[in-house]
Protein backbone atom coordinates (compact mmCIF):
# COMPACT_ATOMS: atom_id res chain seq x y z
CA MET A 1 0.00 0.00 0.00
CA THR A 2 2.80 2.39 0.96
CA THR A 3 4.71 1.82 -2.18
CA THR A 4 1.65 2.34 -4.26
CA ASP A 5 0.90 5.68 -2.55
CA ALA A 6 4.43 6.90 -3.14
CA GLU A 7 4.22 6.14 -6.77
CA SER A 8 0.90 7.85 -6.99
CA VAL A 9 2.42 10.92 -5.43
CA GLY A 10 5.28 10.95 -7.93
CA ILE A 11 2.98 10.77 -10.88
CA ASP A 12 0.98 13.71 -9.67
CA GLN A 13 4.12 15.84 -9.38
CA ASP A 14 5.17 15.01 -12.88
CA ILE A 15 1.79 16.03 -14.20
CA LYS A 16 2.01 19.27 -12.30
CA ASP A 17 5.43 20.00 -13.73
CA LEU A 18 4.22 19.20 -17.22
CA VAL A 19 1.23 21.47 -16.81
CA GLU A 20 3.43 24.25 -15.45
CA GLN A 21 5.80 23.92 -18.36
CA SER A 22 2.90 24.02 -20.79
CA ARG A 23 1.51 27.13 -19.12
CA GLN A 24 4.88 28.83 -19.23
CA GLN A 25 5.26 27.89 -22.86
CA ILE A 26 1.78 29.28 -23.64
CA ASP A 27 2.59 32.46 -21.76
CA ALA A 28 5.82 32.77 -23.67
CA GLU A 29 3.98 32.28 -26.96
CA LYS A 30 1.44 34.91 -25.92
CA GLN A 31 4.22 37.31 -24.98
CA LYS A 32 5.93 36.61 -28.25
CA GLU A 33 2.67 37.06 -30.17
CA LYS A 34 1.90 40.25 -28.27
CA ALA A 35 5.37 41.53 -28.96
CA GLN A 36 4.91 40.67 -32.63
CA GLN A 37 1.56 42.45 -32.71
CA GLU A 38 3.03 45.49 -31.00
CA LYS A 39 5.87 45.45 -33.50
CA GLU A 40 3.46 45.19 -36.43
CA LEU A 41 1.31 47.95 -34.92
CA ARG A 42 4.38 50.09 -34.48
CA LEU A 43 5.44 49.40 -38.06
CA LEU A 44 1.92 50.18 -39.26
CA ARG A 45 1.93 53.45 -37.38
CA GLU A 46 5.34 54.27 -38.73
CA SER A 47 4.16 53.37 -42.21
CA ARG A 48 1.11 55.58 -41.82
CA ASN A 49 3.23 58.42 -40.56
CA ARG A 50 5.61 58.00 -43.47
CA TRP A 51 2.62 57.95 -45.88
CA ARG A 52 1.21 61.05 -44.30
CA LEU A 53 4.54 62.75 -44.58
CA LEU A 54 4.80 61.58 -48.16
CA VAL A 55 1.30 62.87 -49.01
CA ALA A 56 1.99 66.14 -47.24
CA GLY A 57 5.24 66.43 -49.11
CA ALA A 58 3.53 65.63 -52.37
CA VAL A 59 0.84 68.22 -51.71
CA LEU A 60 3.43 70.77 -50.77
CA PHE A 61 5.44 69.88 -53.85
CA SER A 62 2.34 70.19 -56.03
CA VAL A 63 1.53 73.58 -54.59
CA LEU A 64 5.06 74.72 -55.15
CA MET A 65 5.09 73.32 -58.67
CA PHE A 66 1.72 74.91 -59.46
CA GLY A 67 3.02 78.24 -58.26
CA ALA A 68 6.15 77.77 -60.32
CA VAL A 69 4.08 76.85 -63.38
CA LEU A 70 1.90 79.92 -62.94
CA PHE A 71 4.98 82.06 -62.63
CA ILE A 72 6.51 80.52 -65.75
CA LEU A 73 3.27 80.85 -67.71
CA ASN A 74 2.93 84.45 -66.67
CA GLN A 75 6.47 85.13 -67.81
CA GLN A 76 5.83 83.28 -71.05
CA SER A 77 2.55 85.18 -71.52
CA GLN A 78 4.35 88.45 -71.14
CA LEU A 79 7.05 87.30 -73.49
CA SER A 80 4.42 86.01 -75.95
CA LYS A 81 2.50 89.28 -75.76
CA SER A 82 5.64 91.21 -76.44
CA ALA A 83 6.49 88.88 -79.29
CA ALA A 84 2.93 89.15 -80.64
CA ASP A 85 3.03 92.94 -80.44
CA LEU A 86 6.33 92.97 -82.26
CA ALA A 87 5.01 90.56 -84.89
CA ALA A 88 1.88 92.70 -85.37
CA GLN A 89 3.99 95.82 -85.83
CA LEU A 90 6.19 94.06 -88.36
CA ALA A 91 3.10 92.75 -90.20
CA GLN A 92 1.54 96.20 -90.36
CA SER A 93 4.78 97.66 -91.64
CA ARG A 94 5.04 94.95 -94.28
CA SER A 95 1.39 95.41 -95.27
CA ARG A 96 1.94 99.13 -95.79
CA GLU A 97 5.01 98.44 -97.92
CA VAL A 98 3.03 96.05 -100.15
CA ALA A 99 0.17 98.57 -100.34
CA ALA A 100 2.63 101.24 -101.49
CA VAL A 101 3.88 98.94 -104.27
CA ALA A 102 0.25 98.28 -105.28
CA ASN A 103 -0.37 102.03 -105.46
CA ASN A 104 2.59 102.42 -107.79
CA LEU A 105 1.16 99.70 -110.02
CA LEU A 106 -2.19 101.47 -110.09
CA GLU A 107 -0.51 104.70 -111.19
CA ASN A 108 1.04 102.73 -114.07
CA GLY A 109 -2.35 101.32 -115.04
CA GLU A 110 -1.61 97.76 -113.90
CA ALA A 111 -4.93 97.19 -112.08
CA GLU A 112 -4.85 93.38 -111.98
CA GLU A 113 -1.37 93.21 -110.44
CA ALA A 114 -2.30 95.94 -107.97
CA LEU A 115 -5.43 94.00 -107.00
CA LEU A 116 -3.41 90.86 -106.26
CA LEU A 117 -0.97 92.80 -104.09
CA GLY A 118 -3.88 94.51 -102.36
CA ILE A 119 -5.37 91.14 -101.47
CA ILE A 120 -2.00 89.94 -100.17
CA ALA A 121 -1.55 93.07 -98.06
CA GLN A 122 -5.09 93.08 -96.64
CA GLN A 123 -5.71 89.35 -96.13
CA GLY A 124 -2.40 87.58 -96.51
CA ILE A 125 -0.44 89.84 -94.16
CA THR A 126 -2.69 92.08 -92.06
CA GLY A 127 -5.28 94.74 -92.64
CA THR A 128 -4.26 98.41 -92.46
CA MET A 129 -5.89 101.61 -93.63
CA GLN A 130 -3.45 101.71 -96.53
CA SER A 131 -4.08 98.12 -97.63
CA GLU A 132 -7.86 98.54 -97.35
CA GLU A 133 -7.80 101.69 -99.45
CA VAL A 134 -5.54 100.29 -102.16
CA LEU A 135 -7.58 97.08 -102.32
CA ARG A 136 -10.81 99.04 -102.82
CA THR A 137 -9.23 101.27 -105.46
CA ALA A 138 -7.59 98.36 -107.27
CA LEU A 139 -10.83 96.37 -107.25
CA ASP A 140 -12.67 99.35 -108.70
CA ALA A 141 -10.05 99.79 -111.39
CA TRP A 142 -10.01 96.08 -112.24
CA ARG A 143 -13.81 95.91 -112.50
CA GLY A 144 -13.98 99.11 -114.50
CA VAL A 145 -15.33 101.24 -111.65
CA ALA A 146 -14.50 104.89 -112.01
CA SER A 147 -14.57 107.86 -109.70
CA ILE A 148 -14.62 110.98 -111.83
CA SER A 149 -13.37 114.16 -110.22
CA GLY A 150 -14.70 117.63 -110.97
CA LEU A 151 -18.32 116.49 -110.71
CA GLU A 152 -20.85 118.26 -108.50
CA ALA A 153 -23.51 115.54 -108.80
CA ALA A 154 -25.09 113.48 -111.54
CA ALA A 155 -28.49 114.92 -110.67
CA SER A 156 -30.26 115.17 -113.97
CA GLY A 157 -29.13 112.18 -115.97
CA ILE A 158 -26.34 109.86 -117.07
CA PHE A 159 -26.16 108.56 -120.63
CA PHE A 160 -23.73 106.50 -122.69
CA SER A 161 -23.15 107.17 -126.35
CA ARG A 162 -24.17 104.18 -128.43
CA ASP A 163 -20.55 103.34 -129.22
CA ASN A 164 -19.65 103.28 -125.46
CA ARG A 165 -17.10 106.00 -126.11
CA TYR A 166 -18.66 108.94 -124.28
CA LEU A 167 -20.57 109.40 -121.05
CA LEU A 168 -22.85 112.39 -120.44
CA THR A 169 -23.65 113.64 -116.94
CA GLY A 170 -25.95 116.43 -115.80
CA GLY A 171 -24.79 118.33 -112.73
CA ASN A 172 -26.31 120.41 -109.97
CA ASP A 173 -24.00 123.25 -111.02
CA ARG A 174 -26.24 123.93 -114.08
CA LYS A 175 -23.80 122.26 -116.45
CA ALA A 176 -23.74 119.07 -118.45
CA ARG A 177 -20.41 117.34 -119.01
CA VAL A 178 -19.23 114.96 -121.69
CA TRP A 179 -16.50 112.52 -120.64
CA ASP A 180 -14.25 110.24 -122.62
CA TRP A 181 -15.12 107.02 -120.82
CA GLN A 182 -11.88 105.18 -121.47
CA SER A 183 -9.54 107.94 -120.29
CA ARG A 184 -12.02 109.56 -117.83
CA ARG A 185 -11.08 112.85 -119.49
CA LEU A 186 -13.50 115.77 -119.62
CA VAL A 187 -14.36 116.59 -123.26
CA TRP A 188 -17.01 119.32 -122.93
CA ALA A 189 -18.59 121.29 -120.10
CA LEU A 190 -21.87 122.72 -121.44
CA GLY A 191 -23.43 125.53 -119.42
CA GLY A 192 -25.36 128.74 -119.96
CA HIS A 193 -28.46 127.69 -118.04
CA GLU A 194 -29.77 129.90 -115.24
CA ASP A 195 -31.30 127.13 -113.14
CA THR A 196 -30.83 123.49 -112.15
CA LEU A 197 -30.83 120.99 -114.98
CA VAL A 198 -33.83 118.68 -115.14
CA GLY A 199 -32.55 116.63 -118.05
CA ALA A 200 -29.55 115.82 -120.20
CA ALA A 201 -29.36 113.37 -123.10
CA LEU A 202 -27.20 112.25 -126.02
CA SER A 203 -28.78 111.88 -129.43
CA PHE A 204 -28.69 108.32 -130.73
CA ASP A 205 -26.49 109.26 -133.69
CA GLY A 206 -23.95 110.81 -131.28
CA LYS A 207 -24.10 114.24 -132.96
CA TYR A 208 -25.96 116.23 -130.31
CA VAL A 209 -26.22 116.80 -126.59
CA VAL A 210 -29.55 117.99 -125.17
CA THR A 211 -29.84 119.93 -121.90
CA ALA A 212 -32.96 121.31 -120.19
CA SER A 213 -33.38 123.59 -117.21
CA LYS A 214 -36.45 124.08 -115.07
CA ASN A 215 -37.12 127.72 -114.26
CA ASP A 216 -35.23 129.33 -117.11
CA ARG A 217 -37.57 127.26 -119.36
CA ARG A 218 -34.79 126.56 -121.85
CA VAL A 219 -33.97 123.49 -123.86
CA ARG A 220 -30.59 123.60 -125.57
CA VAL A 221 -29.07 121.35 -128.23
CA TRP A 222 -25.28 121.28 -128.49
CA ARG A 223 -22.95 119.90 -131.14
CA MET A 224 -20.71 117.06 -130.02
CA SER A 225 -18.15 117.94 -132.69
CA ASP A 226 -17.11 121.27 -131.17
CA GLY A 227 -19.27 121.78 -128.06
CA GLY A 228 -21.06 124.70 -129.71
CA LEU A 229 -24.74 125.57 -129.33
CA GLU A 230 -26.86 124.34 -132.27
CA TRP A 231 -30.23 125.76 -131.18
CA GLU A 232 -32.20 126.86 -128.14
CA LYS A 233 -35.90 127.02 -127.35
CA ILE A 234 -37.55 128.95 -124.54
CA HIS A 235 -40.89 127.46 -123.50
CA ASP A 236 -44.01 129.13 -122.17
CA ASP A 237 -43.77 127.46 -118.76
CA VAL A 238 -41.24 125.67 -116.54
CA VAL A 239 -39.60 122.62 -118.08
CA ARG A 240 -40.11 119.44 -116.04
CA SER A 241 -38.51 116.66 -118.09
CA ILE A 242 -37.25 115.58 -121.51
CA SER A 243 -37.10 112.26 -123.38
CA LEU A 244 -35.59 111.15 -126.70
CA HIS A 245 -37.79 109.38 -129.23
CA PRO A 246 -36.63 105.77 -130.00
CA GLY A 247 -36.21 106.71 -133.64
CA GLY A 248 -33.59 109.25 -132.60
CA LYS A 249 -35.08 112.24 -134.46
CA TRP A 250 -37.50 113.73 -131.94
CA LEU A 251 -37.22 115.23 -128.51
CA GLY A 252 -40.19 115.22 -126.13
CA VAL A 253 -40.34 118.09 -123.62
CA ARG A 254 -42.86 118.37 -120.82
CA SER A 255 -43.46 122.06 -120.12
CA GLY A 256 -46.40 123.45 -118.20
CA THR A 257 -49.53 121.56 -119.25
CA LYS A 258 -48.21 120.56 -122.66
CA ILE A 259 -45.85 118.09 -124.28
CA TRP A 260 -43.73 119.67 -126.98
CA ILE A 261 -42.08 117.51 -129.64
CA TRP A 262 -39.05 118.98 -131.43
CA ASP A 263 -36.88 117.78 -134.30
CA ILE A 264 -33.45 117.39 -132.70
CA ALA A 265 -31.36 118.29 -135.75
CA SER A 266 -33.32 121.30 -137.00
CA GLY A 267 -35.11 122.58 -133.91
CA VAL A 268 -38.42 122.57 -135.81
CA LEU A 269 -41.58 121.99 -133.77
CA VAL A 270 -43.08 118.68 -134.79
CA GLY A 271 -46.11 118.73 -132.51
CA LYS A 272 -47.59 120.20 -129.36
CA SER A 273 -50.37 118.54 -127.40
CA PRO A 274 -52.01 118.88 -124.01
CA TYR A 275 -51.65 115.77 -121.88
CA LEU A 276 -54.22 114.05 -119.71
CA ALA A 277 -56.46 117.09 -119.67
CA GLU A 278 -59.41 115.06 -118.43
CA SER A 279 -57.62 113.66 -115.36
CA GLY A 280 -56.04 116.81 -114.02
CA ALA A 281 -52.95 114.85 -112.95
CA GLN A 282 -49.59 116.58 -113.11
CA LEU A 283 -47.02 114.50 -114.95
CA ARG A 284 -43.44 114.14 -113.75
CA THR A 285 -40.79 112.47 -115.90
CA LEU A 286 -41.45 111.35 -119.48
CA SER A 287 -40.28 108.35 -121.50
CA TRP A 288 -41.26 107.04 -124.91
CA THR A 289 -42.60 103.55 -125.40
CA THR A 290 -40.44 101.22 -127.47
CA ASP A 291 -42.59 101.61 -130.60
CA GLY A 292 -42.37 105.40 -130.33
CA GLU A 293 -46.16 105.77 -130.52
CA SER A 294 -46.88 106.64 -126.88
CA ILE A 295 -45.41 108.45 -123.90
CA LEU A 296 -45.19 107.01 -120.38
CA ALA A 297 -45.12 109.25 -117.35
CA GLY A 298 -45.47 109.20 -113.60
CA ALA A 299 -47.94 111.58 -112.00
CA ASP A 300 -48.87 113.13 -108.67
CA ASP A 301 -52.03 110.98 -108.49
CA ASN A 302 -49.71 108.08 -107.54
CA LEU A 303 -50.24 106.31 -110.87
CA ALA A 304 -48.27 105.60 -114.04
CA HIS A 305 -49.96 107.04 -117.14
CA ILE A 306 -49.68 106.26 -120.85
CA TRP A 307 -50.61 108.73 -123.57
CA ARG A 308 -50.87 107.81 -127.27
CA ILE A 309 -49.65 110.61 -129.48
CA ALA A 310 -51.69 109.86 -132.60
CA ASP A 311 -55.16 110.20 -131.11
CA GLY A 312 -54.53 111.43 -127.56
CA ALA A 313 -55.93 108.27 -125.97
CA SER A 314 -54.66 107.75 -122.44
CA GLY A 315 -54.77 105.20 -119.65
CA THR A 316 -53.23 104.20 -116.32
CA PHE A 317 -51.56 101.13 -114.88
CA ASN A 318 -53.44 99.94 -111.82
CA VAL A 319 -52.42 97.36 -109.20
CA PRO A 320 -54.40 94.96 -106.97
CA GLU A 321 -56.27 96.51 -104.06
CA GLY A 322 -54.11 97.03 -100.99
CA ARG A 323 -51.00 97.53 -103.04
CA GLY A 324 -49.73 100.34 -105.20
CA HIS A 325 -47.87 103.60 -104.82
CA GLN A 326 -48.58 105.76 -101.81
CA PHE A 327 -46.63 108.72 -103.17
CA THR A 328 -46.13 110.54 -106.46
CA VAL A 329 -44.88 108.31 -109.25
CA ILE A 330 -41.58 109.89 -110.25
CA GLY A 331 -40.91 107.74 -113.29
CA ALA A 332 -42.21 105.09 -115.67
CA GLN A 333 -40.44 103.20 -118.45
CA GLN A 334 -41.00 100.37 -120.90
CA SER A 335 -38.38 97.68 -121.46
CA PRO A 336 -36.62 97.76 -124.85
CA ASP A 337 -38.30 94.49 -125.89
CA GLY A 338 -41.71 95.99 -125.04
CA ARG A 339 -42.69 93.20 -122.66
CA ALA A 340 -42.39 95.00 -119.33
CA ILE A 341 -43.26 98.37 -117.81
CA VAL A 342 -41.95 99.70 -114.51
CA SER A 343 -43.15 102.61 -112.39
CA LEU A 344 -41.36 104.09 -109.43
CA SER A 345 -42.28 106.21 -106.43
CA THR A 346 -40.03 107.05 -103.50
CA ASP A 347 -41.34 104.03 -101.57
CA LEU A 348 -42.18 101.36 -104.14
CA LEU A 349 -41.23 99.87 -107.48
CA GLU A 350 -44.06 98.28 -109.51
CA LEU A 351 -43.69 95.97 -112.50
CA TRP A 352 -46.09 94.84 -115.23
CA ILE A 353 -45.19 92.07 -117.66
CA ARG A 354 -46.91 90.62 -120.71
CA LYS A 355 -46.18 87.24 -122.24
CA SER A 356 -46.28 88.56 -125.79
CA ILE A 357 -46.54 91.90 -127.55
CA SER A 358 -50.22 91.26 -128.34
CA SER A 359 -51.23 90.23 -124.80
CA SER A 360 -52.18 92.47 -121.86
CA TYR A 361 -49.85 93.55 -119.09
CA GLU A 362 -50.18 91.78 -115.75
CA TYR A 363 -48.96 93.11 -112.41
CA VAL A 364 -45.98 91.26 -110.90
CA GLU A 365 -44.84 91.77 -107.31
CA LEU A 366 -41.06 91.75 -107.21
CA PRO A 367 -39.17 90.66 -104.06
CA ASP A 368 -37.89 93.61 -102.02
CA SER A 369 -39.63 96.10 -104.31
CA ARG A 370 -40.62 98.29 -101.37
CA ASN A 371 -37.79 100.53 -100.18
CA THR A 372 -37.85 102.16 -96.75
CA ASP A 373 -34.66 104.07 -97.61
CA GLY A 374 -36.40 105.77 -100.52
CA TYR A 375 -35.88 105.38 -104.27
CA ARG A 376 -34.42 108.24 -106.26
CA PHE A 377 -35.38 109.16 -109.82
CA HIS A 378 -36.59 106.53 -112.22
CA ALA A 379 -35.77 102.87 -112.56
CA LEU A 380 -34.46 101.60 -115.86
CA PHE A 381 -34.10 98.44 -117.89
CA SER A 382 -30.88 97.21 -119.44
CA PRO A 383 -30.81 97.44 -123.26
CA ASP A 384 -31.10 93.65 -123.51
CA SER A 385 -34.20 93.81 -121.22
CA ARG A 386 -32.67 91.29 -118.82
CA TYR A 387 -32.07 93.55 -115.82
CA LEU A 388 -34.01 96.20 -113.94
CA ALA A 389 -32.14 98.69 -111.75
CA ALA A 390 -33.19 101.38 -109.27
CA GLY A 391 -31.13 103.71 -107.08
CA SER A 392 -31.78 104.58 -103.44
CA ALA A 393 -31.26 107.51 -101.09
CA ASN A 394 -28.73 105.49 -99.07
CA GLY A 395 -26.28 105.16 -101.97
CA LYS A 396 -27.25 101.60 -102.92
CA VAL A 397 -28.44 100.24 -106.24
CA ARG A 398 -30.89 97.35 -106.46
CA VAL A 399 -30.69 95.13 -109.54
CA TRP A 400 -33.33 92.51 -110.39
CA ASP A 401 -32.77 89.69 -112.88
CA LEU A 402 -36.03 89.57 -114.86
CA GLY A 403 -35.25 86.02 -115.90
CA SER A 404 -35.70 84.98 -112.25
CA LEU A 405 -38.57 87.08 -110.93
CA GLU A 406 -38.78 85.16 -107.66
CA ASP A 407 -35.17 85.95 -106.72
CA ARG A 408 -34.28 88.85 -104.45
CA PRO A 409 -32.37 91.73 -106.06
CA ILE A 410 -28.65 92.21 -105.79
CA GLN A 411 -27.84 95.26 -103.67
CA LEU A 412 -24.73 97.20 -104.60
CA ALA A 413 -23.37 99.63 -102.00
CA VAL A 414 -21.54 101.92 -104.41
CA HIS A 415 -22.01 105.45 -103.02
CA THR A 416 -21.96 107.28 -99.71
CA GLN A 417 -24.90 109.56 -100.57
CA GLU A 418 -28.12 109.28 -102.54
CA ILE A 419 -28.05 108.12 -106.13
CA ASN A 420 -29.28 110.67 -108.66
CA GLY A 421 -28.69 108.95 -111.97
CA LEU A 422 -28.43 105.50 -113.52
CA THR A 423 -27.72 104.14 -116.96
CA PHE A 424 -26.66 100.90 -118.63
CA SER A 425 -24.06 100.85 -121.35
CA PRO A 426 -25.57 100.08 -124.80
CA ASP A 427 -24.14 96.53 -124.71
CA SER A 428 -25.67 95.96 -121.21
CA ARG A 429 -22.24 95.09 -119.78
CA PHE A 430 -21.96 98.08 -117.46
CA LEU A 431 -24.27 99.77 -115.00
CA VAL A 432 -23.24 103.36 -114.26
CA SER A 433 -24.51 105.35 -111.30
CA GLY A 434 -24.07 108.97 -110.26
CA SER A 435 -24.45 110.36 -106.76
CA ARG A 436 -24.44 113.51 -104.67
CA ASP A 437 -21.13 112.30 -103.26
CA GLY A 438 -19.57 113.63 -106.47
CA THR A 439 -18.63 110.30 -108.03
CA ILE A 440 -19.65 108.17 -110.96
CA ARG A 441 -19.33 104.45 -110.42
CA CYS A 442 -19.42 101.74 -113.02
CA GLY A 443 -19.91 98.04 -112.30
CA ILE A 444 -20.07 94.96 -114.50
CA SER A 445 -23.64 93.71 -114.85
């Protein structure tokens, strides 16, 4: 029994030792694990601190770099601005030099070369006052546009001779002038009138110039050969307008309440008739119909009238209700082919067209025919009857293509003041306008 107890006691001690060792080992492992965790936590904290420092450094670096970039860009901007200013100055200087060369070419009559240099100076280099001016002048010269000096205003008419050689203008200074169109040289200045001219015309054979003045009641016929006076007639009343007969031999004069018809070459009175006596309307400008049998005229009753010479029959051109002239009709004209008639007041242009010579005229409403700027003097057809032109108070000319009645007119800004005269060249290639700005302009139609 004793031996057995002793052994039992020894076994228990061994178990206790084993347990103690296990506990110590577990504690050591826990300490080791705790130490490892603390180390990892410390490393993590250190890592986070380093990351925060790195981020802070990066942010600081970015701020510094951004500031540096702004500084550099500002410096570059200032340098670029200076460089741009210098480049602009050099470009302007170069543009002026090219414009000067273009001006020299213009003086030598080389319009096309001057135009090319003008385009280079204005658009290829940079725009300056000099390049803009030379480009405009060169373009005018290249297109055949002329500015004639020594002209008060083309107030009473502009006419080409049938051979395109001469241009006649009537001025507000009581004189008519004949110009050589090619050289722009003044040939004759025809005066002697005591009042403003109301008409000036060239005879179709090119032998005579006709001038008419309002209050001095005179109509004068001058010789083209020497600028001398061929004959003169003083009428009973003020002269309002004149018109050449299509046959070229007669001159129609509206004076007082009568229309006088004179033989241009001899000055012999061909006929004298009262006009529109039954209507009481006062006629304005006159024009012959293409067949030479009737006279068209605008009147202060806001209508266009037609008067047949042979029997005195007369009529008017009326428009649909709600339309029509609201002011005095200042002009009426028939197209050379006889198929169209136009009438003009300060606010409106009206057109009638017939499909054939034997059919009746029908009213046609043209696009942009009403003009808030105000028309001036009468509209006219081109000799080939293709175009219709009218001048405005704002210096613009409207041109309609009668082959495309639905199309809007071309507007040409050719003058700085109101237009007082228009004419087409006999071949219909040129449209010439005169203005109170003292210039005559010619464009290709």
